[in-house]
Amino acid sequence: KPNRVRFAWTSEYSYTPGHKQTGVIWCDGESAWA
């Protein structure tokens, strides 16, 4: 709290095993990024 956040993920479809896509979003309390 109040707004410091990091959310990260890795996604994969079964029809393309091993091919992963990643992403992360974050906020330092003021600026947001992706």
ModelCIF file with pLDDT and N, C-alpha, C, O atoms, coordinates in Angstrom:
data_MODEL
#
_entry.id   MODEL 
#
_entity.id                         1 
_entity.type                       polymer 
_entity.pdbx_number_of_molecules   1 
#
_entity_poly.entity_id                      1 
_entity_poly.type                           'polypeptide(L)' 
_entity_poly.nstd_linkage                   no 
_entity_poly.nstd_monomer                   no 
_entity_poly.pdbx_seq_one_letter_code       KPNRVRFAWTSEYSYTPGHKQTGVIWCDGESAWA 
_entity_poly.pdbx_seq_one_letter_code_can   KPNRVRFAWTSEYSYTPGHKQTGVIWCDGESAWA 
_entity_poly.pdbx_strand_id                 A 
#
loop_
_entity_poly_seq.entity_id 
_entity_poly_seq.num 
_entity_poly_seq.mon_id 
_entity_poly_seq.hetero 
1 1  LYS n 
1 2  PRO n 
1 3  ASN n 
1 4  ARG n 
1 5  VAL n 
1 6  ARG n 
1 7  PHE n 
1 8  ALA n 
1 9  TRP n 
1 10 THR n 
1 11 SER n 
1 12 GLU n 
1 13 TYR n 
1 14 SER n 
1 15 TYR n 
1 16 THR n 
1 17 PRO n 
1 18 GLY n 
1 19 HIS n 
1 20 LYS n 
1 21 GLN n 
1 22 THR n 
1 23 GLY n 
1 24 VAL n 
1 25 ILE n 
1 26 TRP n 
1 27 CYS n 
1 28 ASP n 
1 29 GLY n 
1 30 GLU n 
1 31 SER n 
1 32 ALA n 
1 33 TRP n 
1 34 ALA n 
#
_struct_asym.id          A 
_struct_asym.entity_id   1 
#
loop_
_ma_qa_metric.id 
_ma_qa_metric.mode 
_ma_qa_metric.name 
_ma_qa_metric.software_group_id 
_ma_qa_metric.type 
1 global pLDDT . pLDDT 
2 local  pLDDT . pLDDT 
#
_ma_qa_metric_global.metric_id      1 
_ma_qa_metric_global.metric_value   90.85 
_ma_qa_metric_global.model_id       1 
_ma_qa_metric_global.ordinal_id     1 
#
loop_
_ma_qa_metric_local.label_asym_id 
_ma_qa_metric_local.label_comp_id 
_ma_qa_metric_local.label_seq_id 
_ma_qa_metric_local.metric_id 
_ma_qa_metric_local.metric_value 
_ma_qa_metric_local.model_id 
_ma_qa_metric_local.ordinal_id 
A LYS 1  2 89.00 1 1  
A PRO 2  2 83.00 1 2  
A ASN 3  2 83.00 1 3  
A ARG 4  2 93.00 1 4  
A VAL 5  2 94.00 1 5  
A ARG 6  2 96.00 1 6  
A PHE 7  2 95.00 1 7  
A ALA 8  2 97.00 1 8  
A TRP 9  2 95.00 1 9  
A THR 10 2 94.00 1 10 
A SER 11 2 92.00 1 11 
A GLU 12 2 90.00 1 12 
A TYR 13 2 84.00 1 13 
A SER 14 2 84.00 1 14 
A TYR 15 2 79.00 1 15 
A THR 16 2 80.00 1 16 
A PRO 17 2 79.00 1 17 
A GLY 18 2 81.00 1 18 
A HIS 19 2 86.00 1 19 
A LYS 20 2 92.00 1 20 
A GLN 21 2 91.00 1 21 
A THR 22 2 94.00 1 22 
A GLY 23 2 95.00 1 23 
A VAL 24 2 97.00 1 24 
A ILE 25 2 96.00 1 25 
A TRP 26 2 96.00 1 26 
A CYS 27 2 95.00 1 27 
A ASP 28 2 94.00 1 28 
A GLY 29 2 89.00 1 29 
A GLU 30 2 91.00 1 30 
A SER 31 2 96.00 1 31 
A ALA 32 2 96.00 1 32 
A TRP 33 2 97.00 1 33 
A ALA 34 2 96.00 1 34 
#
loop_
_atom_site.group_PDB 
_atom_site.id 
_atom_site.type_symbol 
_atom_site.label_atom_id 
_atom_site.label_alt_id 
_atom_site.label_comp_id 
_atom_site.label_asym_id 
_atom_site.label_entity_id 
_atom_site.label_seq_id 
_atom_site.pdbx_PDB_ins_code 
_atom_site.Cartn_x 
_atom_site.Cartn_y 
_atom_site.Cartn_z 
_atom_site.occupancy 
_atom_site.B_iso_or_equiv 
_atom_site.pdbx_formal_charge 
_atom_site.auth_seq_id 
_atom_site.auth_comp_id 
_atom_site.auth_asym_id 
_atom_site.auth_atom_id 
_atom_site.pdbx_PDB_model_num 
ATOM 1   N N  . LYS A 1 1  ? 0.833  -1.200  0.000   1.00 89.00 ? 1  LYS A N  1 
ATOM 2   C CA . LYS A 1 1  ? 0.000  0.000   0.000   1.00 89.00 ? 1  LYS A CA 1 
ATOM 3   C C  . LYS A 1 1  ? 0.860  1.240   0.000   1.00 89.00 ? 1  LYS A C  1 
ATOM 4   O O  . LYS A 1 1  ? 1.932  1.244   0.605   1.00 89.00 ? 1  LYS A O  1 
ATOM 5   N N  . PRO A 1 2  ? 0.417  2.297   -0.666  1.00 83.00 ? 2  PRO A N  1 
ATOM 6   C CA . PRO A 1 2  ? -0.887 2.412   -1.278  1.00 83.00 ? 2  PRO A CA 1 
ATOM 7   C C  . PRO A 1 2  ? -0.935 1.875   -2.703  1.00 83.00 ? 2  PRO A C  1 
ATOM 8   O O  . PRO A 1 2  ? -1.922 1.230   -3.058  1.00 83.00 ? 2  PRO A O  1 
ATOM 9   N N  . ASN A 1 3  ? 0.065  2.105   -3.531  1.00 83.00 ? 3  ASN A N  1 
ATOM 10  C CA . ASN A 1 3  ? -0.037 1.703   -4.939  1.00 83.00 ? 3  ASN A CA 1 
ATOM 11  C C  . ASN A 1 3  ? 1.269  1.156   -5.511  1.00 83.00 ? 3  ASN A C  1 
ATOM 12  O O  . ASN A 1 3  ? 1.561  1.361   -6.689  1.00 83.00 ? 3  ASN A O  1 
ATOM 13  N N  . ARG A 1 4  ? 2.034  0.481   -4.710  1.00 93.00 ? 4  ARG A N  1 
ATOM 14  C CA . ARG A 1 4  ? 3.247  -0.147  -5.235  1.00 93.00 ? 4  ARG A CA 1 
ATOM 15  C C  . ARG A 1 4  ? 2.887  -1.584  -5.602  1.00 93.00 ? 4  ARG A C  1 
ATOM 16  O O  . ARG A 1 4  ? 2.526  -2.388  -4.743  1.00 93.00 ? 4  ARG A O  1 
ATOM 17  N N  . VAL A 1 5  ? 2.993  -1.893  -6.898  1.00 94.00 ? 5  VAL A N  1 
ATOM 18  C CA . VAL A 1 5  ? 2.502  -3.166  -7.412  1.00 94.00 ? 5  VAL A CA 1 
ATOM 19  C C  . VAL A 1 5  ? 3.468  -3.723  -8.449  1.00 94.00 ? 5  VAL A C  1 
ATOM 20  O O  . VAL A 1 5  ? 4.076  -2.983  -9.222  1.00 94.00 ? 5  VAL A O  1 
ATOM 21  N N  . ARG A 1 6  ? 3.593  -5.047  -8.445  1.00 96.00 ? 6  ARG A N  1 
ATOM 22  C CA . ARG A 1 6  ? 4.255  -5.763  -9.538  1.00 96.00 ? 6  ARG A CA 1 
ATOM 23  C C  . ARG A 1 6  ? 3.415  -7.000  -9.814  1.00 96.00 ? 6  ARG A C  1 
ATOM 24  O O  . ARG A 1 6  ? 3.183  -7.814  -8.920  1.00 96.00 ? 6  ARG A O  1 
ATOM 25  N N  . PHE A 1 7  ? 2.967  -7.136  -11.040 1.00 95.00 ? 7  PHE A N  1 
ATOM 26  C CA . PHE A 1 7  ? 2.201  -8.309  -11.457 1.00 95.00 ? 7  PHE A CA 1 
ATOM 27  C C  . PHE A 1 7  ? 2.874  -8.876  -12.699 1.00 95.00 ? 7  PHE A C  1 
ATOM 28  O O  . PHE A 1 7  ? 2.958  -8.197  -13.723 1.00 95.00 ? 7  PHE A O  1 
ATOM 29  N N  . ALA A 1 8  ? 3.354  -10.111 -12.619 1.00 97.00 ? 8  ALA A N  1 
ATOM 30  C CA . ALA A 1 8  ? 4.061  -10.746 -13.735 1.00 97.00 ? 8  ALA A CA 1 
ATOM 31  C C  . ALA A 1 8  ? 3.355  -12.044 -14.109 1.00 97.00 ? 8  ALA A C  1 
ATOM 32  O O  . ALA A 1 8  ? 2.751  -12.697 -13.258 1.00 97.00 ? 8  ALA A O  1 
ATOM 33  N N  . TRP A 1 9  ? 3.434  -12.413 -15.377 1.00 95.00 ? 9  TRP A N  1 
ATOM 34  C CA . TRP A 1 9  ? 2.814  -13.662 -15.823 1.00 95.00 ? 9  TRP A CA 1 
ATOM 35  C C  . TRP A 1 9  ? 3.582  -14.262 -16.992 1.00 95.00 ? 9  TRP A C  1 
ATOM 36  O O  . TRP A 1 9  ? 4.299  -13.576 -17.720 1.00 95.00 ? 9  TRP A O  1 
ATOM 37  N N  . THR A 1 10 ? 3.405  -15.554 -17.138 1.00 94.00 ? 10 THR A N  1 
ATOM 38  C CA . THR A 1 10 ? 3.934  -16.310 -18.265 1.00 94.00 ? 10 THR A CA 1 
ATOM 39  C C  . THR A 1 10 ? 2.782  -17.124 -18.824 1.00 94.00 ? 10 THR A C  1 
ATOM 40  O O  . THR A 1 10 ? 2.103  -17.833 -18.082 1.00 94.00 ? 10 THR A O  1 
ATOM 41  N N  . SER A 1 11 ? 2.560  -17.028 -20.121 1.00 92.00 ? 11 SER A N  1 
ATOM 42  C CA . SER A 1 11 ? 1.448  -17.747 -20.738 1.00 92.00 ? 11 SER A CA 1 
ATOM 43  C C  . SER A 1 11 ? 1.961  -18.709 -21.805 1.00 92.00 ? 11 SER A C  1 
ATOM 44  O O  . SER A 1 11 ? 3.004  -18.502 -22.426 1.00 92.00 ? 11 SER A O  1 
ATOM 45  N N  . GLU A 1 12 ? 1.171  -19.778 -21.988 1.00 90.00 ? 12 GLU A N  1 
ATOM 46  C CA . GLU A 1 12 ? 1.545  -20.796 -22.968 1.00 90.00 ? 12 GLU A CA 1 
ATOM 47  C C  . GLU A 1 12 ? 0.278  -21.479 -23.475 1.00 90.00 ? 12 GLU A C  1 
ATOM 48  O O  . GLU A 1 12 ? -0.610 -21.825 -22.695 1.00 90.00 ? 12 GLU A O  1 
ATOM 49  N N  . TYR A 1 13 ? 0.206  -21.669 -24.790 1.00 84.00 ? 13 TYR A N  1 
ATOM 50  C CA . TYR A 1 13 ? -0.877 -22.430 -25.408 1.00 84.00 ? 13 TYR A CA 1 
ATOM 51  C C  . TYR A 1 13 ? -0.415 -23.870 -25.601 1.00 84.00 ? 13 TYR A C  1 
ATOM 52  O O  . TYR A 1 13 ? 0.752  -24.113 -25.910 1.00 84.00 ? 13 TYR A O  1 
ATOM 53  N N  . SER A 1 14 ? -1.322 -24.818 -25.420 1.00 84.00 ? 14 SER A N  1 
ATOM 54  C CA . SER A 1 14 ? -0.950 -26.227 -25.579 1.00 84.00 ? 14 SER A CA 1 
ATOM 55  C C  . SER A 1 14 ? -0.565 -26.567 -27.020 1.00 84.00 ? 14 SER A C  1 
ATOM 56  O O  . SER A 1 14 ? 0.192  -27.511 -27.245 1.00 84.00 ? 14 SER A O  1 
ATOM 57  N N  . TYR A 1 15 ? -1.072 -25.818 -27.992 1.00 79.00 ? 15 TYR A N  1 
ATOM 58  C CA . TYR A 1 15 ? -0.738 -26.135 -29.380 1.00 79.00 ? 15 TYR A CA 1 
ATOM 59  C C  . TYR A 1 15 ? 0.644  -25.611 -29.784 1.00 79.00 ? 15 TYR A C  1 
ATOM 60  O O  . TYR A 1 15 ? 1.114  -25.909 -30.882 1.00 79.00 ? 15 TYR A O  1 
ATOM 61  N N  . THR A 1 16 ? 1.296  -24.841 -28.917 1.00 80.00 ? 16 THR A N  1 
ATOM 62  C CA . THR A 1 16 ? 2.679  -24.404 -29.151 1.00 80.00 ? 16 THR A CA 1 
ATOM 63  C C  . THR A 1 16 ? 3.504  -24.650 -27.889 1.00 80.00 ? 16 THR A C  1 
ATOM 64  O O  . THR A 1 16 ? 4.023  -23.705 -27.295 1.00 80.00 ? 16 THR A O  1 
ATOM 65  N N  . PRO A 1 17 ? 3.627  -25.920 -27.473 1.00 79.00 ? 17 PRO A N  1 
ATOM 66  C CA . PRO A 1 17 ? 4.339  -26.196 -26.218 1.00 79.00 ? 17 PRO A CA 1 
ATOM 67  C C  . PRO A 1 17 ? 5.767  -25.663 -26.267 1.00 79.00 ? 17 PRO A C  1 
ATOM 68  O O  . PRO A 1 17 ? 6.454  -25.772 -27.282 1.00 79.00 ? 17 PRO A O  1 
ATOM 69  N N  . GLY A 1 18 ? 6.191  -25.091 -25.157 1.00 81.00 ? 18 GLY A N  1 
ATOM 70  C CA . GLY A 1 18 ? 7.536  -24.538 -25.059 1.00 81.00 ? 18 GLY A CA 1 
ATOM 71  C C  . GLY A 1 18 ? 7.634  -23.097 -25.508 1.00 81.00 ? 18 GLY A C  1 
ATOM 72  O O  . GLY A 1 18 ? 8.598  -22.410 -25.170 1.00 81.00 ? 18 GLY A O  1 
ATOM 73  N N  . HIS A 1 19 ? 6.653  -22.624 -26.266 1.00 86.00 ? 19 HIS A N  1 
ATOM 74  C CA . HIS A 1 19 ? 6.645  -21.232 -26.711 1.00 86.00 ? 19 HIS A CA 1 
ATOM 75  C C  . HIS A 1 19 ? 5.865  -20.413 -25.680 1.00 86.00 ? 19 HIS A C  1 
ATOM 76  O O  . HIS A 1 19 ? 4.636  -20.453 -25.633 1.00 86.00 ? 19 HIS A O  1 
ATOM 77  N N  . LYS A 1 20 ? 6.589  -19.691 -24.880 1.00 92.00 ? 20 LYS A N  1 
ATOM 78  C CA . LYS A 1 20 ? 5.958  -18.935 -23.801 1.00 92.00 ? 20 LYS A CA 1 
ATOM 79  C C  . LYS A 1 20 ? 6.066  -17.446 -24.069 1.00 92.00 ? 20 LYS A C  1 
ATOM 80  O O  . LYS A 1 20 ? 7.030  -16.963 -24.664 1.00 92.00 ? 20 LYS A O  1 
ATOM 81  N N  . GLN A 1 21 ? 5.045  -16.734 -23.611 1.00 91.00 ? 21 GLN A N  1 
ATOM 82  C CA . GLN A 1 21 ? 5.064  -15.281 -23.668 1.00 91.00 ? 21 GLN A CA 1 
ATOM 83  C C  . GLN A 1 21 ? 5.019  -14.772 -22.240 1.00 91.00 ? 21 GLN A C  1 
ATOM 84  O O  . GLN A 1 21 ? 4.322  -15.329 -21.392 1.00 91.00 ? 21 GLN A O  1 
ATOM 85  N N  . THR A 1 22 ? 5.761  -13.721 -21.983 1.00 94.00 ? 22 THR A N  1 
ATOM 86  C CA . THR A 1 22 ? 5.816  -13.171 -20.635 1.00 94.00 ? 22 THR A CA 1 
ATOM 87  C C  . THR A 1 22 ? 5.391  -11.711 -20.651 1.00 94.00 ? 22 THR A C  1 
ATOM 88  O O  . THR A 1 22 ? 5.435  -11.032 -21.677 1.00 94.00 ? 22 THR A O  1 
ATOM 89  N N  . GLY A 1 23 ? 4.984  -11.263 -19.490 1.00 95.00 ? 23 GLY A N  1 
ATOM 90  C CA . GLY A 1 23 ? 4.623  -9.862  -19.333 1.00 95.00 ? 23 GLY A CA 1 
ATOM 91  C C  . GLY A 1 23 ? 4.734  -9.474  -17.877 1.00 95.00 ? 23 GLY A C  1 
ATOM 92  O O  . GLY A 1 23 ? 4.659  -10.313 -16.979 1.00 95.00 ? 23 GLY A O  1 
ATOM 93  N N  . VAL A 1 24 ? 4.911  -8.194  -17.665 1.00 97.00 ? 24 VAL A N  1 
ATOM 94  C CA . VAL A 1 24 ? 4.942  -7.663  -16.303 1.00 97.00 ? 24 VAL A CA 1 
ATOM 95  C C  . VAL A 1 24 ? 4.399  -6.242  -16.338 1.00 97.00 ? 24 VAL A C  1 
ATOM 96  O O  . VAL A 1 24 ? 4.703  -5.467  -17.245 1.00 97.00 ? 24 VAL A O  1 
ATOM 97  N N  . ILE A 1 25 ? 3.595  -5.913  -15.340 1.00 96.00 ? 25 ILE A N  1 
ATOM 98  C CA . ILE A 1 25 ? 3.167  -4.534  -15.143 1.00 96.00 ? 25 ILE A CA 1 
ATOM 99  C C  . ILE A 1 25 ? 3.585  -4.147  -13.738 1.00 96.00 ? 25 ILE A C  1 
ATOM 100 O O  . ILE A 1 25 ? 3.641  -4.990  -12.843 1.00 96.00 ? 25 ILE A O  1 
ATOM 101 N N  . TRP A 1 26 ? 3.879  -2.868  -13.546 1.00 96.00 ? 26 TRP A N  1 
ATOM 102 C CA . TRP A 1 26 ? 4.281  -2.430  -12.224 1.00 96.00 ? 26 TRP A CA 1 
ATOM 103 C C  . TRP A 1 26 ? 4.003  -0.955  -12.056 1.00 96.00 ? 26 TRP A C  1 
ATOM 104 O O  . TRP A 1 26 ? 3.844  -0.203  -13.018 1.00 96.00 ? 26 TRP A O  1 
ATOM 105 N N  . CYS A 1 27 ? 3.949  -0.573  -10.793 1.00 95.00 ? 27 CYS A N  1 
ATOM 106 C CA . CYS A 1 27 ? 3.729  0.820   -10.437 1.00 95.00 ? 27 CYS A CA 1 
ATOM 107 C C  . CYS A 1 27 ? 4.565  1.106   -9.205  1.00 95.00 ? 27 CYS A C  1 
ATOM 108 O O  . CYS A 1 27 ? 4.532  0.346   -8.237  1.00 95.00 ? 27 CYS A O  1 
ATOM 109 N N  . ASP A 1 28 ? 5.313  2.195   -9.236  1.00 94.00 ? 28 ASP A N  1 
ATOM 110 C CA . ASP A 1 28 ? 6.160  2.584   -8.107  1.00 94.00 ? 28 ASP A CA 1 
ATOM 111 C C  . ASP A 1 28 ? 5.409  3.479   -7.120  1.00 94.00 ? 28 ASP A C  1 
ATOM 112 O O  . ASP A 1 28 ? 6.011  4.073   -6.226  1.00 94.00 ? 28 ASP A O  1 
ATOM 113 N N  . GLY A 1 29 ? 4.113  3.568   -7.289  1.00 89.00 ? 29 GLY A N  1 
ATOM 114 C CA . GLY A 1 29 ? 3.291  4.428   -6.454  1.00 89.00 ? 29 GLY A CA 1 
ATOM 115 C C  . GLY A 1 29 ? 2.842  5.661   -7.207  1.00 89.00 ? 29 GLY A C  1 
ATOM 116 O O  . GLY A 1 29 ? 1.869  6.313   -6.825  1.00 89.00 ? 29 GLY A O  1 
ATOM 117 N N  . GLU A 1 30 ? 3.553  5.983   -8.281  1.00 91.00 ? 30 GLU A N  1 
ATOM 118 C CA . GLU A 1 30 ? 3.196  7.146   -9.101  1.00 91.00 ? 30 GLU A CA 1 
ATOM 119 C C  . GLU A 1 30 ? 3.132  6.788   -10.579 1.00 91.00 ? 30 GLU A C  1 
ATOM 120 O O  . GLU A 1 30 ? 2.108  7.009   -11.226 1.00 91.00 ? 30 GLU A O  1 
ATOM 121 N N  . SER A 1 31 ? 4.211  6.237   -11.116 1.00 96.00 ? 31 SER A N  1 
ATOM 122 C CA . SER A 1 31 ? 4.288  5.903   -12.539 1.00 96.00 ? 31 SER A CA 1 
ATOM 123 C C  . SER A 1 31 ? 3.968  4.431   -12.756 1.00 96.00 ? 31 SER A C  1 
ATOM 124 O O  . SER A 1 31 ? 4.399  3.570   -11.990 1.00 96.00 ? 31 SER A O  1 
ATOM 125 N N  . ALA A 1 32 ? 3.203  4.154   -13.815 1.00 96.00 ? 32 ALA A N  1 
ATOM 126 C CA . ALA A 1 32 ? 2.859  2.775   -14.163 1.00 96.00 ? 32 ALA A CA 1 
ATOM 127 C C  . ALA A 1 32 ? 3.593  2.378   -15.440 1.00 96.00 ? 32 ALA A C  1 
ATOM 128 O O  . ALA A 1 32 ? 3.808  3.196   -16.334 1.00 96.00 ? 32 ALA A O  1 
ATOM 129 N N  . TRP A 1 33 ? 3.971  1.106   -15.503 1.00 97.00 ? 33 TRP A N  1 
ATOM 130 C CA . TRP A 1 33 ? 4.759  0.595   -16.612 1.00 97.00 ? 33 TRP A CA 1 
ATOM 131 C C  . TRP A 1 33 ? 4.271  -0.788  -17.019 1.00 97.00 ? 33 TRP A C  1 
ATOM 132 O O  . TRP A 1 33 ? 3.588  -1.472  -16.257 1.00 97.00 ? 33 TRP A O  1 
ATOM 133 N N  . ALA A 1 34 ? 4.635  -1.187  -18.242 1.00 96.00 ? 34 ALA A N  1 
ATOM 134 C CA . ALA A 1 34 ? 4.350  -2.532  -18.734 1.00 96.00 ? 34 ALA A CA 1 
ATOM 135 C C  . ALA A 1 34 ? 5.503  -2.977  -19.612 1.00 96.00 ? 34 ALA A C  1 
ATOM 136 O O  . ALA A 1 34 ? 5.482  -4.089  -20.142 1.00 96.00 ? 34 ALA A O  1 
#
